[in-house]
Amino acid sequence: MERIFVSLITGLLTLLLSPVTLGDSQLYKYTDDNGRVHYTDRPPADRQVETLDIEIQSNAGQARVTDYAALLSFAETGNNVTIYTTDWCRVCKKAKRYMDSEDIQYTEHDIEKSRKARHEFDRLGGKGVPVILVGKQKMHGFSAQKLDSMIAGQ
């Protein structure tokens, strides 16, 4: 899901920072052979696409997206993968390697280097690391399959 968010933000920034023709614009969503979702302003010829309507308005020369209801629920989730770790934890390193290899953006908090991180970890009922949060979902330890499921549930 984080890959989708990065693609979405990249696509929206491209739309916003390039010369904009005011009025309605099209954004297309498609899934590649690896199951990754992409957003683009040009539909690929060899894929079935979903058309997403957005409206661009200009305010003092600054374009902004004003109507993106189809994307709002996902955009609100944003970068909401958080992992509580320590330097020495092998499972933490495995989880981070997996997220890096899958382009899943995450925020890391080392509970031995930050009192605030340790307090949050304790508040979450952490007994061991890693503790991974995806939105309001929580995982103790690490399972790639469970993480993928948690992200898909966003």
N, C-alpha and C. Protein backbone atom coordinates (compact mmCIF):
# COMPACT_ATOMS: atom_id res chain seq x y z
N MET A 1 0.82 -1.19 0.00
CA MET A 1 0.00 0.00 0.00
C MET A 1 0.87 1.26 0.00
N GLU A 2 2.00 1.18 0.67
CA GLU A 2 2.86 2.36 0.71
C GLU A 2 3.41 2.68 -0.67
N ARG A 3 3.64 1.61 -1.47
CA ARG A 3 4.08 1.85 -2.86
C ARG A 3 3.02 2.65 -3.60
N ILE A 4 1.77 2.32 -3.33
CA ILE A 4 0.67 3.02 -3.97
C ILE A 4 0.70 4.48 -3.55
N PHE A 5 0.90 4.72 -2.28
CA PHE A 5 0.92 6.08 -1.76
C PHE A 5 2.05 6.88 -2.42
N VAL A 6 3.23 6.28 -2.52
CA VAL A 6 4.36 6.96 -3.16
C VAL A 6 4.03 7.26 -4.62
N SER A 7 3.45 6.27 -5.33
CA SER A 7 3.07 6.49 -6.72
C SER A 7 2.01 7.58 -6.82
N LEU A 8 1.07 7.56 -5.90
CA LEU A 8 0.01 8.56 -5.90
C LEU A 8 0.57 9.95 -5.68
N ILE A 9 1.41 10.10 -4.68
CA ILE A 9 2.00 11.41 -4.39
C ILE A 9 2.85 11.88 -5.56
N THR A 10 3.66 10.96 -6.13
CA THR A 10 4.49 11.32 -7.28
C THR A 10 3.62 11.79 -8.44
N GLY A 11 2.56 11.04 -8.71
CA GLY A 11 1.65 11.43 -9.80
C GLY A 11 0.99 12.77 -9.55
N LEU A 12 0.53 12.97 -8.32
CA LEU A 12 -0.12 14.25 -8.00
C LEU A 12 0.86 15.41 -8.06
N LEU A 13 2.09 15.19 -7.56
CA LEU A 13 3.09 16.26 -7.63
C LEU A 13 3.43 16.58 -9.08
N THR A 14 3.52 15.54 -9.92
CA THR A 14 3.78 15.78 -11.33
C THR A 14 2.68 16.62 -11.94
N LEU A 15 1.44 16.27 -11.60
CA LEU A 15 0.31 17.04 -12.12
C LEU A 15 0.33 18.47 -11.60
N LEU A 16 0.69 18.63 -10.33
CA LEU A 16 0.63 19.95 -9.72
C LEU A 16 1.79 20.85 -10.12
N LEU A 17 2.95 20.26 -10.36
CA LEU A 17 4.13 21.07 -10.66
C LEU A 17 4.36 21.28 -12.15
N SER A 18 3.69 20.52 -12.99
CA SER A 18 3.83 20.73 -14.42
C SER A 18 2.81 21.77 -14.86
N PRO A 19 3.02 22.34 -16.03
CA PRO A 19 2.03 23.32 -16.50
C PRO A 19 0.64 22.69 -16.50
N VAL A 20 -0.30 23.37 -15.89
CA VAL A 20 -1.62 22.82 -15.68
C VAL A 20 -2.62 23.53 -16.57
N THR A 21 -3.42 22.74 -17.26
CA THR A 21 -4.58 23.27 -17.95
C THR A 21 -5.72 23.18 -16.97
N LEU A 22 -6.30 24.32 -16.63
CA LEU A 22 -7.37 24.30 -15.63
C LEU A 22 -8.58 23.58 -16.16
N GLY A 23 -9.31 22.97 -15.26
CA GLY A 23 -10.50 22.21 -15.64
C GLY A 23 -10.36 20.80 -15.13
N ASP A 24 -11.05 19.89 -15.78
CA ASP A 24 -11.01 18.50 -15.35
C ASP A 24 -9.78 17.82 -15.91
N SER A 25 -9.15 16.97 -15.10
CA SER A 25 -8.01 16.18 -15.52
C SER A 25 -8.31 14.73 -15.23
N GLN A 26 -7.58 13.84 -15.87
CA GLN A 26 -7.78 12.42 -15.66
C GLN A 26 -6.58 11.82 -14.97
N LEU A 27 -6.84 10.91 -14.09
CA LEU A 27 -5.81 10.11 -13.44
C LEU A 27 -6.24 8.67 -13.63
N TYR A 28 -5.29 7.80 -14.01
CA TYR A 28 -5.60 6.41 -14.29
C TYR A 28 -4.90 5.52 -13.28
N LYS A 29 -5.59 4.46 -12.88
CA LYS A 29 -5.06 3.49 -11.92
C LYS A 29 -5.02 2.14 -12.61
N TYR A 30 -3.85 1.44 -12.50
CA TYR A 30 -3.77 0.10 -13.05
C TYR A 30 -2.84 -0.74 -12.18
N THR A 31 -2.94 -2.06 -12.35
CA THR A 31 -2.12 -3.00 -11.59
C THR A 31 -1.19 -3.71 -12.56
N ASP A 32 0.12 -3.77 -12.21
CA ASP A 32 1.07 -4.44 -13.09
C ASP A 32 1.09 -5.95 -12.85
N ASP A 33 1.97 -6.66 -13.56
CA ASP A 33 2.04 -8.12 -13.47
C ASP A 33 2.47 -8.61 -12.08
N ASN A 34 3.14 -7.76 -11.32
CA ASN A 34 3.58 -8.12 -9.97
C ASN A 34 2.56 -7.74 -8.90
N GLY A 35 1.40 -7.25 -9.33
CA GLY A 35 0.36 -6.89 -8.37
C GLY A 35 0.51 -5.50 -7.79
N ARG A 36 1.45 -4.73 -8.28
CA ARG A 36 1.66 -3.37 -7.78
C ARG A 36 0.70 -2.41 -8.48
N VAL A 37 0.12 -1.51 -7.71
CA VAL A 37 -0.83 -0.54 -8.24
C VAL A 37 -0.08 0.72 -8.63
N HIS A 38 -0.41 1.28 -9.78
CA HIS A 38 0.22 2.50 -10.29
C HIS A 38 -0.85 3.54 -10.60
N TYR A 39 -0.48 4.82 -10.45
CA TYR A 39 -1.33 5.93 -10.84
C TYR A 39 -0.57 6.73 -11.88
N THR A 40 -1.23 7.13 -12.96
CA THR A 40 -0.56 7.84 -14.02
C THR A 40 -1.55 8.76 -14.74
N ASP A 41 -1.01 9.74 -15.45
CA ASP A 41 -1.88 10.62 -16.22
C ASP A 41 -2.05 10.12 -17.66
N ARG A 42 -1.34 9.05 -18.02
CA ARG A 42 -1.46 8.44 -19.34
C ARG A 42 -1.74 6.95 -19.17
N PRO A 43 -2.88 6.47 -19.66
CA PRO A 43 -3.19 5.05 -19.47
C PRO A 43 -2.31 4.18 -20.35
N PRO A 44 -1.75 3.10 -19.81
CA PRO A 44 -0.98 2.18 -20.66
C PRO A 44 -1.92 1.45 -21.61
N ALA A 45 -1.45 1.22 -22.82
CA ALA A 45 -2.28 0.61 -23.85
C ALA A 45 -2.57 -0.86 -23.55
N ASP A 46 -1.66 -1.52 -22.84
CA ASP A 46 -1.79 -2.97 -22.64
C ASP A 46 -2.42 -3.35 -21.30
N ARG A 47 -3.04 -2.41 -20.60
CA ARG A 47 -3.61 -2.69 -19.28
C ARG A 47 -5.04 -2.21 -19.20
N GLN A 48 -5.83 -2.90 -18.41
CA GLN A 48 -7.15 -2.40 -18.06
C GLN A 48 -6.94 -1.36 -16.98
N VAL A 49 -7.55 -0.19 -17.14
CA VAL A 49 -7.35 0.91 -16.21
C VAL A 49 -8.67 1.33 -15.59
N GLU A 50 -8.56 1.91 -14.41
CA GLU A 50 -9.69 2.55 -13.77
C GLU A 50 -9.46 4.05 -13.90
N THR A 51 -10.45 4.78 -14.35
CA THR A 51 -10.33 6.22 -14.52
C THR A 51 -10.77 6.91 -13.25
N LEU A 52 -9.91 7.78 -12.74
CA LEU A 52 -10.21 8.57 -11.55
C LEU A 52 -10.32 10.02 -11.97
N ASP A 53 -11.38 10.68 -11.61
CA ASP A 53 -11.58 12.08 -11.97
C ASP A 53 -11.05 12.98 -10.88
N ILE A 54 -10.28 13.99 -11.27
CA ILE A 54 -9.83 15.00 -10.34
C ILE A 54 -10.08 16.36 -10.98
N GLU A 55 -10.23 17.35 -10.19
CA GLU A 55 -10.45 18.70 -10.68
C GLU A 55 -9.31 19.57 -10.19
N ILE A 56 -8.66 20.26 -11.08
CA ILE A 56 -7.56 21.14 -10.74
C ILE A 56 -8.08 22.57 -10.79
N GLN A 57 -7.83 23.33 -9.74
CA GLN A 57 -8.19 24.74 -9.72
C GLN A 57 -6.95 25.55 -9.44
N SER A 58 -6.93 26.77 -9.91
CA SER A 58 -5.80 27.65 -9.67
C SER A 58 -6.21 28.74 -8.70
N ASN A 59 -5.33 28.99 -7.75
CA ASN A 59 -5.56 30.04 -6.77
C ASN A 59 -4.26 30.84 -6.68
N ALA A 60 -4.25 32.04 -7.23
CA ALA A 60 -3.05 32.88 -7.25
C ALA A 60 -1.86 32.14 -7.86
N GLY A 61 -2.13 31.40 -8.95
CA GLY A 61 -1.05 30.72 -9.66
C GLY A 61 -0.65 29.40 -9.07
N GLN A 62 -1.26 28.99 -7.97
CA GLN A 62 -0.89 27.73 -7.35
C GLN A 62 -2.01 26.72 -7.62
N ALA A 63 -1.67 25.64 -8.29
CA ALA A 63 -2.68 24.61 -8.57
C ALA A 63 -2.82 23.72 -7.35
N ARG A 64 -4.05 23.23 -7.15
CA ARG A 64 -4.27 22.29 -6.06
C ARG A 64 -5.36 21.33 -6.47
N VAL A 65 -5.30 20.14 -5.92
CA VAL A 65 -6.32 19.15 -6.20
C VAL A 65 -7.48 19.43 -5.26
N THR A 66 -8.68 19.58 -5.79
CA THR A 66 -9.82 19.91 -4.95
C THR A 66 -10.87 18.81 -4.87
N ASP A 67 -10.86 17.89 -5.82
CA ASP A 67 -11.86 16.84 -5.79
C ASP A 67 -11.20 15.51 -6.10
N TYR A 68 -10.88 14.77 -5.07
CA TYR A 68 -10.25 13.47 -5.28
C TYR A 68 -10.83 12.46 -4.30
N ALA A 69 -12.15 12.42 -4.26
CA ALA A 69 -12.84 11.54 -3.32
C ALA A 69 -12.41 10.09 -3.47
N ALA A 70 -12.16 9.65 -4.71
CA ALA A 70 -11.77 8.26 -4.91
C ALA A 70 -10.42 7.94 -4.28
N LEU A 71 -9.57 8.97 -4.13
CA LEU A 71 -8.24 8.75 -3.56
C LEU A 71 -8.14 9.16 -2.10
N LEU A 72 -9.13 9.87 -1.59
CA LEU A 72 -9.03 10.45 -0.27
C LEU A 72 -8.80 9.43 0.83
N SER A 73 -9.54 8.34 0.82
CA SER A 73 -9.40 7.38 1.91
C SER A 73 -8.00 6.80 1.95
N PHE A 74 -7.39 6.56 0.78
CA PHE A 74 -6.03 6.05 0.79
C PHE A 74 -5.04 7.13 1.18
N ALA A 75 -5.19 8.33 0.63
CA ALA A 75 -4.25 9.40 0.91
C ALA A 75 -4.23 9.73 2.39
N GLU A 76 -5.38 9.59 3.06
CA GLU A 76 -5.43 9.87 4.49
C GLU A 76 -4.59 8.89 5.28
N THR A 77 -4.41 7.67 4.77
CA THR A 77 -3.62 6.69 5.51
C THR A 77 -2.14 7.00 5.41
N GLY A 78 -1.71 7.54 4.25
CA GLY A 78 -0.35 8.02 4.08
C GLY A 78 0.71 7.06 4.59
N ASN A 79 1.77 7.61 5.11
CA ASN A 79 2.86 6.81 5.66
C ASN A 79 2.52 6.47 7.08
N ASN A 80 1.73 5.43 7.27
CA ASN A 80 1.31 5.09 8.61
C ASN A 80 1.84 3.74 9.05
N VAL A 81 2.97 3.31 8.49
CA VAL A 81 3.63 2.10 8.96
C VAL A 81 4.74 2.56 9.92
N THR A 82 4.64 2.08 11.14
CA THR A 82 5.62 2.45 12.17
C THR A 82 6.19 1.17 12.75
N ILE A 83 7.50 1.17 12.97
CA ILE A 83 8.15 0.00 13.56
C ILE A 83 8.98 0.43 14.75
N TYR A 84 8.81 -0.25 15.86
CA TYR A 84 9.59 -0.02 17.07
C TYR A 84 10.66 -1.10 17.11
N THR A 85 11.92 -0.66 17.22
CA THR A 85 13.06 -1.55 17.04
C THR A 85 14.13 -1.34 18.11
N THR A 86 15.19 -2.17 18.00
CA THR A 86 16.48 -1.94 18.67
C THR A 86 17.55 -2.23 17.63
N ASP A 87 18.77 -1.77 17.88
CA ASP A 87 19.88 -2.00 16.94
C ASP A 87 20.23 -3.48 16.81
N TRP A 88 20.13 -4.23 17.90
CA TRP A 88 20.62 -5.60 17.93
C TRP A 88 19.59 -6.64 17.48
N CYS A 89 18.37 -6.24 17.22
CA CYS A 89 17.28 -7.17 16.94
C CYS A 89 17.33 -7.70 15.50
N ARG A 90 17.56 -9.02 15.35
CA ARG A 90 17.63 -9.64 14.01
C ARG A 90 16.29 -9.59 13.30
N VAL A 91 15.20 -9.79 14.05
CA VAL A 91 13.86 -9.78 13.43
C VAL A 91 13.52 -8.37 12.95
N CYS A 92 13.95 -7.35 13.71
CA CYS A 92 13.73 -5.96 13.29
C CYS A 92 14.44 -5.71 11.96
N LYS A 93 15.68 -6.18 11.86
CA LYS A 93 16.44 -5.99 10.63
C LYS A 93 15.78 -6.71 9.46
N LYS A 94 15.25 -7.91 9.72
CA LYS A 94 14.56 -8.66 8.68
C LYS A 94 13.31 -7.90 8.22
N ALA A 95 12.56 -7.36 9.16
CA ALA A 95 11.34 -6.60 8.83
C ALA A 95 11.69 -5.36 8.00
N LYS A 96 12.73 -4.65 8.39
CA LYS A 96 13.12 -3.44 7.66
C LYS A 96 13.64 -3.80 6.27
N ARG A 97 14.41 -4.90 6.14
CA ARG A 97 14.89 -5.34 4.83
C ARG A 97 13.70 -5.66 3.92
N TYR A 98 12.70 -6.33 4.48
CA TYR A 98 11.53 -6.68 3.69
C TYR A 98 10.81 -5.41 3.23
N MET A 99 10.57 -4.49 4.16
CA MET A 99 9.85 -3.26 3.79
C MET A 99 10.64 -2.46 2.76
N ASP A 100 11.97 -2.41 2.92
CA ASP A 100 12.80 -1.71 1.93
C ASP A 100 12.71 -2.39 0.56
N SER A 101 12.75 -3.72 0.54
CA SER A 101 12.71 -4.43 -0.74
C SER A 101 11.36 -4.28 -1.43
N GLU A 102 10.31 -4.05 -0.67
CA GLU A 102 8.97 -3.89 -1.22
C GLU A 102 8.56 -2.43 -1.37
N ASP A 103 9.52 -1.52 -1.16
CA ASP A 103 9.26 -0.07 -1.24
C ASP A 103 8.14 0.37 -0.30
N ILE A 104 8.08 -0.25 0.87
CA ILE A 104 7.09 0.14 1.87
C ILE A 104 7.74 1.20 2.74
N GLN A 105 7.18 2.38 2.74
CA GLN A 105 7.72 3.47 3.54
C GLN A 105 7.31 3.24 4.99
N TYR A 106 8.21 3.49 5.91
CA TYR A 106 7.91 3.30 7.32
C TYR A 106 8.68 4.30 8.16
N THR A 107 8.19 4.47 9.38
CA THR A 107 8.87 5.31 10.35
C THR A 107 9.41 4.38 11.43
N GLU A 108 10.70 4.51 11.71
CA GLU A 108 11.34 3.65 12.71
C GLU A 108 11.58 4.42 13.99
N HIS A 109 11.32 3.75 15.12
CA HIS A 109 11.61 4.32 16.43
C HIS A 109 12.43 3.29 17.21
N ASP A 110 13.67 3.64 17.56
CA ASP A 110 14.52 2.77 18.36
C ASP A 110 14.19 3.01 19.82
N ILE A 111 13.69 1.98 20.49
CA ILE A 111 13.23 2.14 21.88
C ILE A 111 14.37 2.27 22.88
N GLU A 112 15.59 1.99 22.45
CA GLU A 112 16.74 2.15 23.34
C GLU A 112 17.42 3.51 23.16
N LYS A 113 17.06 4.23 22.12
CA LYS A 113 17.67 5.53 21.86
C LYS A 113 16.74 6.69 22.13
N SER A 114 15.46 6.40 22.34
CA SER A 114 14.48 7.46 22.52
C SER A 114 13.54 7.13 23.66
N ARG A 115 13.49 8.01 24.66
CA ARG A 115 12.55 7.80 25.77
C ARG A 115 11.11 7.83 25.28
N LYS A 116 10.84 8.75 24.36
CA LYS A 116 9.49 8.86 23.82
C LYS A 116 9.10 7.57 23.12
N ALA A 117 10.01 7.01 22.31
CA ALA A 117 9.74 5.75 21.62
C ALA A 117 9.50 4.63 22.63
N ARG A 118 10.30 4.59 23.70
CA ARG A 118 10.13 3.55 24.72
C ARG A 118 8.77 3.70 25.41
N HIS A 119 8.38 4.94 25.68
CA HIS A 119 7.09 5.19 26.31
C HIS A 119 5.94 4.72 25.40
N GLU A 120 6.02 5.04 24.11
CA GLU A 120 4.99 4.62 23.16
C GLU A 120 4.95 3.09 23.06
N PHE A 121 6.13 2.48 23.00
CA PHE A 121 6.26 1.01 22.94
C PHE A 121 5.58 0.38 24.16
N ASP A 122 5.86 0.91 25.35
CA ASP A 122 5.24 0.40 26.57
C ASP A 122 3.73 0.59 26.55
N ARG A 123 3.29 1.76 26.09
CA ARG A 123 1.86 2.06 26.01
C ARG A 123 1.15 1.10 25.07
N LEU A 124 1.85 0.64 24.04
CA LEU A 124 1.29 -0.30 23.07
C LEU A 124 1.28 -1.75 23.58
N GLY A 125 1.85 -1.95 24.78
CA GLY A 125 1.90 -3.30 25.34
C GLY A 125 3.06 -4.11 24.81
N GLY A 126 4.09 -3.42 24.30
CA GLY A 126 5.24 -4.10 23.75
C GLY A 126 6.01 -4.87 24.81
N LYS A 127 6.27 -6.14 24.51
CA LYS A 127 7.09 -6.98 25.40
C LYS A 127 8.40 -7.34 24.73
N GLY A 128 8.42 -7.25 23.41
CA GLY A 128 9.60 -7.54 22.62
C GLY A 128 9.51 -6.80 21.31
N VAL A 129 10.65 -6.65 20.65
CA VAL A 129 10.69 -5.95 19.38
C VAL A 129 10.79 -6.98 18.25
N PRO A 130 10.34 -6.63 17.07
CA PRO A 130 9.69 -5.38 16.72
C PRO A 130 8.20 -5.38 17.08
N VAL A 131 7.67 -4.18 17.20
CA VAL A 131 6.23 -3.96 17.20
C VAL A 131 5.99 -3.10 15.97
N ILE A 132 5.07 -3.55 15.13
CA ILE A 132 4.80 -2.85 13.88
C ILE A 132 3.34 -2.40 13.87
N LEU A 133 3.14 -1.14 13.56
CA LEU A 133 1.81 -0.58 13.46
C LEU A 133 1.53 -0.23 12.00
N VAL A 134 0.34 -0.58 11.54
CA VAL A 134 -0.16 -0.13 10.24
C VAL A 134 -1.51 0.47 10.54
N GLY A 135 -1.56 1.80 10.57
CA GLY A 135 -2.77 2.47 11.01
C GLY A 135 -3.04 2.09 12.45
N LYS A 136 -4.20 1.54 12.72
CA LYS A 136 -4.57 1.12 14.07
C LYS A 136 -4.29 -0.35 14.32
N GLN A 137 -3.78 -1.06 13.30
CA GLN A 137 -3.47 -2.48 13.44
C GLN A 137 -2.07 -2.64 14.04
N LYS A 138 -1.90 -3.69 14.84
CA LYS A 138 -0.63 -3.89 15.54
C LYS A 138 -0.16 -5.33 15.36
N MET A 139 1.15 -5.48 15.13
CA MET A 139 1.76 -6.80 15.03
C MET A 139 2.96 -6.84 15.96
N HIS A 140 3.02 -7.88 16.80
CA HIS A 140 4.20 -8.13 17.62
C HIS A 140 5.04 -9.15 16.86
N GLY A 141 6.33 -8.86 16.67
CA GLY A 141 7.16 -9.72 15.85
C GLY A 141 7.02 -9.31 14.40
N PHE A 142 7.33 -10.25 13.49
CA PHE A 142 7.25 -9.91 12.07
C PHE A 142 6.86 -11.12 11.24
N SER A 143 5.91 -10.93 10.37
CA SER A 143 5.51 -11.88 9.34
C SER A 143 5.24 -11.06 8.08
N ALA A 144 5.95 -11.37 7.00
CA ALA A 144 5.74 -10.64 5.75
C ALA A 144 4.30 -10.79 5.29
N GLN A 145 3.76 -11.99 5.39
CA GLN A 145 2.39 -12.22 4.96
C GLN A 145 1.40 -11.41 5.79
N LYS A 146 1.60 -11.36 7.09
CA LYS A 146 0.69 -10.59 7.95
C LYS A 146 0.84 -9.09 7.67
N LEU A 147 2.07 -8.62 7.46
CA LEU A 147 2.28 -7.21 7.16
C LEU A 147 1.57 -6.83 5.86
N ASP A 148 1.72 -7.66 4.84
CA ASP A 148 1.04 -7.41 3.56
C ASP A 148 -0.47 -7.37 3.75
N SER A 149 -0.99 -8.26 4.57
CA SER A 149 -2.41 -8.29 4.85
C SER A 149 -2.86 -7.04 5.58
N MET A 150 -2.06 -6.59 6.54
CA MET A 150 -2.39 -5.37 7.29
C MET A 150 -2.40 -4.16 6.35
N ILE A 151 -1.41 -4.08 5.48
CA ILE A 151 -1.34 -2.96 4.54
C ILE A 151 -2.51 -3.00 3.56
N ALA A 152 -2.84 -4.20 3.08
CA ALA A 152 -3.96 -4.35 2.15
C ALA A 152 -5.27 -3.96 2.81
N GLY A 153 -5.36 -4.10 4.13
CA GLY A 153 -6.57 -3.77 4.85
C GLY A 153 -6.76 -2.28 5.08
N GLN A 154 -5.79 -1.49 4.67
CA GLN A 154 -5.88 -0.04 4.85
C GLN A 154 -6.84 0.57 3.90
